[in-house]
Structures are given as C-alpha cells and as structure tokens.
C-alpha cells in the first residue's frame, strides 16, 4: 500500500474511532441518567455517589428526590445528544456536530471530576469510563484530522 492509499484508510479509521468513542460515551450516559431517573430519591443519590446519601426530613427528601430526578434527566439528555451528534457527524462530516458533541461531553466530564471524583464521592472505577471513552474519541478525531490529503496539482501551459 502506498502512502497515498494509507492516508484515506487512517482517516476512515480515525473517523470510526471518534464516532464509536463518543457514541459509547453517549450511550453510557443515556443508560446512567435513566438509572438515576428510575432509582430517584435518596436511592438515586446513593446510586450517583455511594455512601453520600443521608436520610432527610420529608420536605428536604422530596426536594432531594426532585434534584436527583432532574440530574438524571439532564445526564440522559446529554447522552442522547452526544450519541445523535456523533452518529450524524459520521454521516455528514459537518465539523460543528463533532465540536458540539465533544463540548457537551467535556463539560459534563469536567463537572464529574470537579464535584464527584475529586472530592472522593464517587469511586474512580465508576467515573473514569466516560472520560476514557471521550479520550478514545478525541484520539480518533486527531487521527482523522491529522491525515494530510494530497492537494491536486494542475499544470497549465503558458501562452
């Protein structure tokens, strides 16, 4: 295989790695958010950060349950958005779709690190899956974009 043939192959492989890395991130968060919605209440809080849930009086317990449901909904919605954008980018190649998908995933993972992983409220073994999938997707995108496509050269005769 010549160097000219290897570039399109690397580009396609990078594209697929990006898509499946971010699609995996989206699916993981769609399922995780749905599980928070299903658990709800202090059980949902315990699902999110094991051992962090404390029994609360009734009004505060209802508010905590509502916040956990809202958080689960947001995680699931962000997962669905990233999944849809990654698959759409695979089909269309529009760079804004990839940028929005990466942006949403990165912002959510930044919040995960800042508020759950760094304080030790969530075990690293549970929290690093999404970050790893995002990293895989970013490496795939770098491979895809890093491939230089040959520029067609045209010759014209001087008159």
Foldseek 3Di string as FASTA:
>chain_A
DDLQVVLVVLLLQLLVQLLVLQLVLLVVQLVLLVVLLVLFFLSSVCVLFNPPRDDDPDVVRVVRRVVSNVVSVVSNVLSVLLNVLSVVCSVVVDVVSSVVSLVSLVVVLVCCCVPCVVVPRHDPVVNCSSVVSSVSNVSSVCSNVVRDNDDDDDDDDDD
